[in-house]
Amino acid sequence: MSDNLMDKVTALSERLKIGGAEVGRKMSASMSSMSVKVKELIQGPNEADKFVEEATAENLDEPDWATNLELCDMINTERISSVDMIRGIKKRIMIKSPRIQYLAMTLLETIAKNCEKAFSEIAAERVLDEMVKLIDDPMTAVNNRNKALMLIESWGESANELRYLPVFEETYKVSVTLCCKTCYCIQNSACTKCYR
């Protein structure tokens, strides 16, 4: 009977070790994420945030192409940090306003197409994670979901830098199905354009 009790205690201690290590990893990841958020809160918006807010303002009916291209020029001539710009866009994608999300993804697409360092910054700042959250959120506007899927799919075809990211693998290789030439749909969802 004491051997049985000893086995149970040993098994419980192993589970606690494994669970404790997992909790430690999760806490570490949460703390580093929280430290970035606290830093941003204390510092307030930077110059790039202000430019991104202007380019993705709620009152815009459509993308302001002149502003978007000017921001690309500022990044390419190093008058503004591409890291700060991508962080600002990520913040705007996280806002629940469909219009702001769409304008932010359009700005992100413009920067990705016109700025050399964009893909590495998109990868480093975990923008794809936010786009996946947007895709997975049932409250996301269909146009925004399709825009996010289209961007990920097109980046997958053109940028080798993103292919190594686990989130890219999950989204592009598993969840996204190109169902017809005009729309992108989440696998196992009915397409609203081609009804597949």
C-alpha atoms as a PDB file:
ATOM      1  CA  MET A   1       0.000   0.000   0.000  1.00  0.00           C
ATOM      2  CA  SER A   2       2.835   2.416   0.739  1.00  0.00           C
ATOM      3  CA  ASP A   3       4.348   1.739  -2.723  1.00  0.00           C
ATOM      4  CA  ASN A   4       1.039   2.740  -4.312  1.00  0.00           C
ATOM      5  CA  LEU A   5       0.939   5.933  -2.248  1.00  0.00           C
ATOM      6  CA  MET A   6       4.558   6.681  -3.136  1.00  0.00           C
ATOM      7  CA  ASP A   7       3.791   6.212  -6.854  1.00  0.00           C
ATOM      8  CA  LYS A   8       0.866   8.627  -6.583  1.00  0.00           C
ATOM      9  CA  VAL A   9       2.984  11.231  -4.795  1.00  0.00           C
ATOM     10  CA  THR A  10       5.736  10.859  -7.414  1.00  0.00           C
ATOM     11  CA  ALA A  11       3.235  11.192 -10.274  1.00  0.00           C
ATOM     12  CA  LEU A  12       1.684  14.262  -8.650  1.00  0.00           C
ATOM     13  CA  SER A  13       5.069  15.906  -8.150  1.00  0.00           C
ATOM     14  CA  GLU A  14       5.961  15.286 -11.822  1.00  0.00           C
ATOM     15  CA  ARG A  15       2.688  16.887 -12.941  1.00  0.00           C
ATOM     16  CA  LEU A  16       3.356  19.861 -10.688  1.00  0.00           C
ATOM     17  CA  LYS A  17       6.867  20.276 -12.142  1.00  0.00           C
ATOM     18  CA  ILE A  18       5.601  20.158 -15.709  1.00  0.00           C
ATOM     19  CA  GLY A  19       2.637  22.407 -14.931  1.00  0.00           C
ATOM     20  CA  GLY A  20       4.864  24.819 -13.033  1.00  0.00           C
ATOM     21  CA  ALA A  21       7.307  25.093 -15.925  1.00  0.00           C
ATOM     22  CA  GLU A  22       4.446  25.735 -18.337  1.00  0.00           C
ATOM     23  CA  VAL A  23       2.974  28.399 -16.052  1.00  0.00           C
ATOM     24  CA  GLY A  24       6.433  29.974 -15.791  1.00  0.00           C
ATOM     25  CA  ARG A  25       6.782  30.180 -19.580  1.00  0.00           C
ATOM     26  CA  LYS A  26       3.308  31.674 -19.952  1.00  0.00           C
ATOM     27  CA  MET A  27       3.959  34.197 -17.187  1.00  0.00           C
ATOM     28  CA  SER A  28       7.267  35.187 -18.773  1.00  0.00           C
ATOM     29  CA  ALA A  29       5.612  35.743 -22.160  1.00  0.00           C
ATOM     30  CA  SER A  30       2.773  37.699 -20.554  1.00  0.00           C
ATOM     31  CA  MET A  31       5.167  39.868 -18.562  1.00  0.00           C
ATOM     32  CA  SER A  32       7.262  40.788 -21.599  1.00  0.00           C
ATOM     33  CA  SER A  33       4.100  41.638 -23.531  1.00  0.00           C
ATOM     34  CA  MET A  34       2.820  43.652 -20.591  1.00  0.00           C
ATOM     35  CA  SER A  35       6.109  45.549 -20.230  1.00  0.00           C
ATOM     36  CA  VAL A  36       5.851  46.689 -23.859  1.00  0.00           C
ATOM     37  CA  LYS A  37       2.269  47.839 -23.269  1.00  0.00           C
ATOM     38  CA  VAL A  38       3.198  49.700 -20.066  1.00  0.00           C
ATOM     39  CA  LYS A  39       6.114  51.369 -21.860  1.00  0.00           C
ATOM     40  CA  GLU A  40       3.784  52.504 -24.654  1.00  0.00           C
ATOM     41  CA  LEU A  41       1.241  53.747 -22.109  1.00  0.00           C
ATOM     42  CA  ILE A  42       3.838  55.782 -20.206  1.00  0.00           C
ATOM     43  CA  GLN A  43       5.474  57.204 -23.321  1.00  0.00           C
ATOM     44  CA  GLY A  44       2.211  58.003 -25.055  1.00  0.00           C
ATOM     45  CA  PRO A  45       1.824  58.138 -28.815  1.00  0.00           C
ATOM     46  CA  ASN A  46       4.971  58.749 -30.827  1.00  0.00           C
ATOM     47  CA  GLU A  47       5.303  60.576 -34.136  1.00  0.00           C
ATOM     48  CA  ALA A  48       4.628  57.408 -36.151  1.00  0.00           C
ATOM     49  CA  ASP A  49       1.441  56.735 -34.165  1.00  0.00           C
ATOM     50  CA  LYS A  50       0.190  60.198 -35.060  1.00  0.00           C
ATOM     51  CA  PHE A  51       0.883  59.642 -38.759  1.00  0.00           C
ATOM     52  CA  VAL A  52      -0.829  56.235 -38.673  1.00  0.00           C
ATOM     53  CA  GLU A  53      -3.861  57.721 -36.920  1.00  0.00           C
ATOM     54  CA  GLU A  54      -4.075  60.402 -39.607  1.00  0.00           C
ATOM     55  CA  ALA A  55      -3.838  57.814 -42.413  1.00  0.00           C
ATOM     56  CA  THR A  56      -6.450  55.557 -40.786  1.00  0.00           C
ATOM     57  CA  ALA A  57      -8.833  58.165 -39.380  1.00  0.00           C
ATOM     58  CA  GLU A  58     -12.413  57.019 -38.820  1.00  0.00           C
ATOM     59  CA  ASN A  59     -13.753  59.927 -40.885  1.00  0.00           C
ATOM     60  CA  LEU A  60     -11.986  58.794 -44.093  1.00  0.00           C
ATOM     61  CA  ASP A  61     -14.325  57.276 -46.672  1.00  0.00           C
ATOM     62  CA  GLU A  62     -11.474  55.566 -48.496  1.00  0.00           C
ATOM     63  CA  PRO A  63      -7.709  55.209 -48.130  1.00  0.00           C
ATOM     64  CA  ASP A  64      -5.763  58.463 -48.384  1.00  0.00           C
ATOM     65  CA  TRP A  65      -3.260  57.307 -50.983  1.00  0.00           C
ATOM     66  CA  ALA A  66      -1.223  60.511 -50.877  1.00  0.00           C
ATOM     67  CA  THR A  67      -0.685  60.142 -47.125  1.00  0.00           C
ATOM     68  CA  ASN A  68       0.012  56.408 -47.407  1.00  0.00           C
ATOM     69  CA  LEU A  69       2.661  56.942 -50.089  1.00  0.00           C
ATOM     70  CA  GLU A  70       4.170  59.864 -48.169  1.00  0.00           C
ATOM     71  CA  LEU A  71       4.549  57.549 -45.161  1.00  0.00           C
ATOM     72  CA  CYS A  72       6.303  55.004 -47.407  1.00  0.00           C
ATOM     73  CA  ASP A  73       8.659  57.742 -48.583  1.00  0.00           C
ATOM     74  CA  MET A  74       9.355  58.741 -44.968  1.00  0.00           C
ATOM     75  CA  ILE A  75      10.223  55.132 -44.099  1.00  0.00           C
ATOM     76  CA  ASN A  76      12.425  54.669 -47.174  1.00  0.00           C
ATOM     77  CA  THR A  77      14.355  57.882 -46.468  1.00  0.00           C
ATOM     78  CA  GLU A  78      14.577  56.961 -42.770  1.00  0.00           C
ATOM     79  CA  ARG A  79      12.793  60.105 -41.608  1.00  0.00           C
ATOM     80  CA  ILE A  80      10.593  57.831 -39.499  1.00  0.00           C
ATOM     81  CA  SER A  81      11.178  54.417 -37.959  1.00  0.00           C
ATOM     82  CA  SER A  82       9.612  51.511 -39.818  1.00  0.00           C
ATOM     83  CA  VAL A  83       9.386  49.650 -36.494  1.00  0.00           C
ATOM     84  CA  ASP A  84       7.322  52.444 -34.933  1.00  0.00           C
ATOM     85  CA  MET A  85       5.175  52.690 -38.054  1.00  0.00           C
ATOM     86  CA  ILE A  86       4.376  48.950 -38.062  1.00  0.00           C
ATOM     87  CA  ARG A  87       3.651  49.059 -34.307  1.00  0.00           C
ATOM     88  CA  GLY A  88       1.256  51.944 -34.890  1.00  0.00           C
ATOM     89  CA  ILE A  89      -0.508  50.037 -37.661  1.00  0.00           C
ATOM     90  CA  LYS A  90      -0.758  46.963 -35.437  1.00  0.00           C
ATOM     91  CA  LYS A  91      -2.462  49.062 -32.762  1.00  0.00           C
ATOM     92  CA  ARG A  92      -4.970  50.330 -35.324  1.00  0.00           C
ATOM     93  CA  ILE A  93      -5.700  46.787 -36.547  1.00  0.00           C
ATOM     94  CA  MET A  94      -6.522  45.870 -32.944  1.00  0.00           C
ATOM     95  CA  ILE A  95      -9.203  48.592 -32.709  1.00  0.00           C
ATOM     96  CA  LYS A  96     -12.710  47.183 -33.135  1.00  0.00           C
ATOM     97  CA  SER A  97     -13.806  49.752 -35.729  1.00  0.00           C
ATOM     98  CA  PRO A  98     -14.219  48.003 -39.115  1.00  0.00           C
ATOM     99  CA  ARG A  99     -13.281  51.159 -41.020  1.00  0.00           C
ATOM    100  CA  ILE A 100     -10.087  51.743 -39.020  1.00  0.00           C
ATOM    101  CA  GLN A 101      -9.125  48.070 -39.354  1.00  0.00           C
ATOM    102  CA  TYR A 102      -9.604  48.181 -43.123  1.00  0.00           C
ATOM    103  CA  LEU A 103      -7.654  51.430 -43.526  1.00  0.00           C
ATOM    104  CA  ALA A 104      -4.866  50.062 -41.297  1.00  0.00           C
ATOM    105  CA  MET A 105      -4.585  46.890 -43.381  1.00  0.00           C
ATOM    106  CA  THR A 106      -4.562  48.980 -46.566  1.00  0.00           C
ATOM    107  CA  LEU A 107      -1.746  51.114 -45.132  1.00  0.00           C
ATOM    108  CA  LEU A 108       0.102  47.951 -44.083  1.00  0.00           C
ATOM    109  CA  GLU A 109      -0.272  46.545 -47.602  1.00  0.00           C
ATOM    110  CA  THR A 110       0.997  49.800 -49.129  1.00  0.00           C
ATOM    111  CA  ILE A 111       4.044  49.838 -46.854  1.00  0.00           C
ATOM    112  CA  ALA A 112       4.749  46.145 -47.508  1.00  0.00           C
ATOM    113  CA  LYS A 113       4.697  46.762 -51.261  1.00  0.00           C
ATOM    114  CA  ASN A 114       6.735  49.976 -51.220  1.00  0.00           C
ATOM    115  CA  CYS A 115       9.244  49.629 -48.365  1.00  0.00           C
ATOM    116  CA  GLU A 116      12.142  47.165 -48.406  1.00  0.00           C
ATOM    117  CA  LYS A 117      12.275  46.444 -44.669  1.00  0.00           C
ATOM    118  CA  ALA A 118       8.536  46.007 -44.214  1.00  0.00           C
ATOM    119  CA  PHE A 119       8.347  42.213 -44.188  1.00  0.00           C
ATOM    120  CA  SER A 120      10.958  41.783 -41.481  1.00  0.00           C
ATOM    121  CA  GLU A 121       9.197  44.413 -39.353  1.00  0.00           C
ATOM    122  CA  ILE A 122       5.797  42.788 -39.912  1.00  0.00           C
ATOM    123  CA  ALA A 123       7.293  39.495 -38.751  1.00  0.00           C
ATOM    124  CA  ALA A 124       9.147  41.016 -35.784  1.00  0.00           C
ATOM    125  CA  GLU A 125       6.177  42.984 -34.495  1.00  0.00           C
ATOM    126  CA  ARG A 126       3.832  39.974 -34.659  1.00  0.00           C
ATOM    127  CA  VAL A 127       1.338  41.754 -36.890  1.00  0.00           C
ATOM    128  CA  LEU A 128       0.282  38.415 -38.362  1.00  0.00           C
ATOM    129  CA  ASP A 129      -0.867  37.321 -34.897  1.00  0.00           C
ATOM    130  CA  GLU A 130      -3.272  40.257 -34.781  1.00  0.00           C
ATOM    131  CA  MET A 131      -4.457  39.532 -38.304  1.00  0.00           C
ATOM    132  CA  VAL A 132      -5.184  35.927 -37.310  1.00  0.00           C
ATOM    133  CA  LYS A 133      -7.157  37.170 -34.294  1.00  0.00           C
ATOM    134  CA  LEU A 134      -9.081  39.422 -36.664  1.00  0.00           C
ATOM    135  CA  ILE A 135      -9.803  36.484 -38.977  1.00  0.00           C
ATOM    136  CA  ASP A 136     -10.878  34.230 -36.099  1.00  0.00           C
ATOM    137  CA  ASP A 137     -13.135  36.840 -34.472  1.00  0.00           C
ATOM    138  CA  PRO A 138     -16.736  36.163 -35.567  1.00  0.00           C
ATOM    139  CA  MET A 139     -17.532  39.858 -35.080  1.00  0.00           C
ATOM    140  CA  THR A 140     -15.005  40.950 -37.724  1.00  0.00           C
ATOM    141  CA  ALA A 141     -16.538  42.473 -40.837  1.00  0.00           C
ATOM    142  CA  VAL A 142     -16.407  40.039 -43.765  1.00  0.00           C
ATOM    143  CA  ASN A 143     -14.509  42.545 -45.933  1.00  0.00           C
ATOM    144  CA  ASN A 144     -11.824  42.904 -43.263  1.00  0.00           C
ATOM    145  CA  ARG A 145     -11.540  39.148 -42.792  1.00  0.00           C
ATOM    146  CA  ASN A 146     -11.150  38.717 -46.550  1.00  0.00           C
ATOM    147  CA  LYS A 147      -8.603  41.566 -46.694  1.00  0.00           C
ATOM    148  CA  ALA A 148      -6.505  39.937 -43.946  1.00  0.00           C
ATOM    149  CA  LEU A 149      -6.665  36.550 -45.658  1.00  0.00           C
ATOM    150  CA  MET A 150      -5.787  38.068 -49.035  1.00  0.00           C
ATOM    151  CA  LEU A 151      -2.762  39.873 -47.570  1.00  0.00           C
ATOM    152  CA  ILE A 152      -1.455  36.755 -45.861  1.00  0.00           C
ATOM    153  CA  GLU A 153      -1.950  34.712 -49.022  1.00  0.00           C
ATOM    154  CA  SER A 154      -0.229  37.268 -51.261  1.00  0.00           C
ATOM    155  CA  TRP A 155       2.671  37.695 -48.816  1.00  0.00           C
ATOM    156  CA  GLY A 156       3.046  33.926 -48.773  1.00  0.00           C
ATOM    157  CA  GLU A 157       3.527  33.893 -52.508  1.00  0.00           C
ATOM    158  CA  SER A 158       5.943  36.810 -52.607  1.00  0.00           C
ATOM    159  CA  ALA A 159       7.889  36.911 -49.328  1.00  0.00           C
ATOM    160  CA  ASN A 160      10.098  34.079 -48.147  1.00  0.00           C
ATOM    161  CA  GLU A 161      10.720  35.985 -44.894  1.00  0.00           C
ATOM    162  CA  LEU A 162       7.235  35.169 -43.573  1.00  0.00           C
ATOM    163  CA  ARG A 163       7.221  31.482 -44.420  1.00  0.00           C
ATOM    164  CA  TYR A 164       9.240  30.480 -41.347  1.00  0.00           C
ATOM    165  CA  LEU A 165       6.720  32.013 -38.915  1.00  0.00           C
ATOM    166  CA  PRO A 166       4.467  29.479 -37.153  1.00  0.00           C
ATOM    167  CA  VAL A 167       1.486  31.840 -37.381  1.00  0.00           C
ATOM    168  CA  PHE A 168       2.013  32.131 -41.119  1.00  0.00           C
ATOM    169  CA  GLU A 169       2.201  28.349 -41.446  1.00  0.00           C
ATOM    170  CA  GLU A 170      -1.021  27.950 -39.445  1.00  0.00           C
ATOM    171  CA  THR A 171      -2.913  30.594 -41.364  1.00  0.00           C
ATOM    172  CA  TYR A 172      -1.646  30.211 -44.886  1.00  0.00           C
ATOM    173  CA  LYS A 173      -1.101  26.472 -45.085  1.00  0.00           C
ATOM    174  CA  VAL A 174      -3.967  25.192 -42.908  1.00  0.00           C
ATOM    175  CA  SER A 175      -6.782  27.684 -42.414  1.00  0.00           C
ATOM    176  CA  VAL A 176      -6.865  29.598 -45.655  1.00  0.00           C
ATOM    177  CA  THR A 177      -8.344  28.127 -48.764  1.00  0.00           C
ATOM    178  CA  LEU A 178      -8.375  29.939 -52.046  1.00  0.00           C
ATOM    179  CA  CYS A 179     -11.870  29.001 -53.135  1.00  0.00           C
ATOM    180  CA  CYS A 180     -12.154  31.094 -56.266  1.00  0.00           C
ATOM    181  CA  LYS A 181     -10.230  33.837 -58.037  1.00  0.00           C
ATOM    182  CA  THR A 182     -12.177  36.700 -56.462  1.00  0.00           C
ATOM    183  CA  CYS A 183     -12.410  35.852 -52.771  1.00  0.00           C
ATOM    184  CA  TYR A 184     -10.664  34.126 -49.895  1.00  0.00           C
ATOM    185  CA  CYS A 185     -12.557  32.036 -47.396  1.00  0.00           C
ATOM    186  CA  ILE A 186     -11.771  30.273 -44.168  1.00  0.00           C
ATOM    187  CA  GLN A 187     -11.656  26.527 -44.693  1.00  0.00           C
ATOM    188  CA  ASN A 188     -15.001  24.812 -44.033  1.00  0.00           C
ATOM    189  CA  SER A 189     -16.892  28.112 -44.320  1.00  0.00           C
ATOM    190  CA  ALA A 190     -19.361  28.765 -47.083  1.00  0.00           C
ATOM    191  CA  CYS A 191     -18.107  31.292 -49.590  1.00  0.00           C
ATOM    192  CA  THR A 192     -20.468  34.214 -50.019  1.00  0.00           C
ATOM    193  CA  LYS A 193     -19.317  34.813 -53.594  1.00  0.00           C
ATOM    194  CA  CYS A 194     -18.907  31.404 -55.188  1.00  0.00           C
ATOM    195  CA  TYR A 195     -20.956  29.389 -52.622  1.00  0.00           C
ATOM    196  CA  ARG A 196     -18.417  26.584 -52.343  1.00  0.00           C
END
